[in-house]
Amino acid sequence: MDHVLNITDHYIFTPYVYPASWSEDEPLRQIISLWVVTTLGAELSYLGFGALNFYYVFDHKLMIHPQFIKNQVRKEIQLGTVSIFWMSFPTVALFFWEVRGHSQLYDNISESALGWPGLFQSIVSFLFFTDMCIYWIHRCMHHKSIYKHLHKQHHIFKIPTPFASHAFHPLDGFLQSLPYHIYPFIFPLHKVVYLSLFFFVNIWTISIHDGDYCIPSPLIYLINGAAHHVDHHLYFNYNYGQYFTLWDRLGGSYRHPSVLLGQGPHDHVRKLIAETTKTQ
């Protein structure tokens, strides 16, 4: 995040916000700046990409599904924006620790002993590491002693829209995002790659809630997309993974997408429309 902080300092905070006497390296200033950048950036990307996905990808016919609740989109947005606000506080603590040089993030590929191969390996390992961690965190969130206090808020949306992507209890959302933040404290990672992956993660989270079930056939058994994730919302104890189906298969929680068996939400909606048309 130091790249983002340096850019915002140069173009916004130093010339227009903070007094000249307040050093850019002062810890309190960095914390405030990080909180502003993190909160605004997260809210805008959630609302912006969520809206684009909702209007151009999400099938609005799903809104007549009997399990699509009243005022659901408004409730998703309210919960999502409030959750992002509160999640930003512990997130900024981790970003601050990173900006102060305590992570294994690096600026130049020449600084890494592994070079370019290491950069590409880090992308793969980031995805598999975070997928593994999120699987187990997510599965723990479904334990009966935890679920009702945290994760239940997310599961009131049985037929999710893209705006459900961040509609979590703040603690639930932060815990599921924690693997993204702790990875660069354990493993070397290029700073630009880290920012790119962090952006990708947020877009991916929106995409698996968008009701677009078009996954190429060869990847159905590998990639945990929206087709898999809607079954998680509908049937509860299946498809906990974030990107891949690997850990669901190993953990015995994999469920083949019902939409591919002609039993998904769209199929239900088509039957409702057909029945309505017959009675008119």
Foldseek 3Di string as FASTA:
>chain_A
DVVVLVVCCVPPCVPDNDDVVDDSPDLVNLLVSQLVCQLVVLLCLLVVLLVCLQVPPFDCLLCVQPLNDPPNLVLLLVLLSVLSNVLSNVVSVLVSCVNVPQFQADADQVVDPVRPVVQVVLLVCLQVQLQVQLLVLLLVCLPPVRVVPWVVQLLSRLLFALSSLRNTRNVSSNSSCVSLRCVRRPDYYYPVVSVVVVSVLSSQSSQLNHPRPDDPPVCQQFFCGVLQVSCCSNVVQADSGRTTCVVRVVVVRHDRRVVVVCRDSVSVSVVVVVVVVVVD
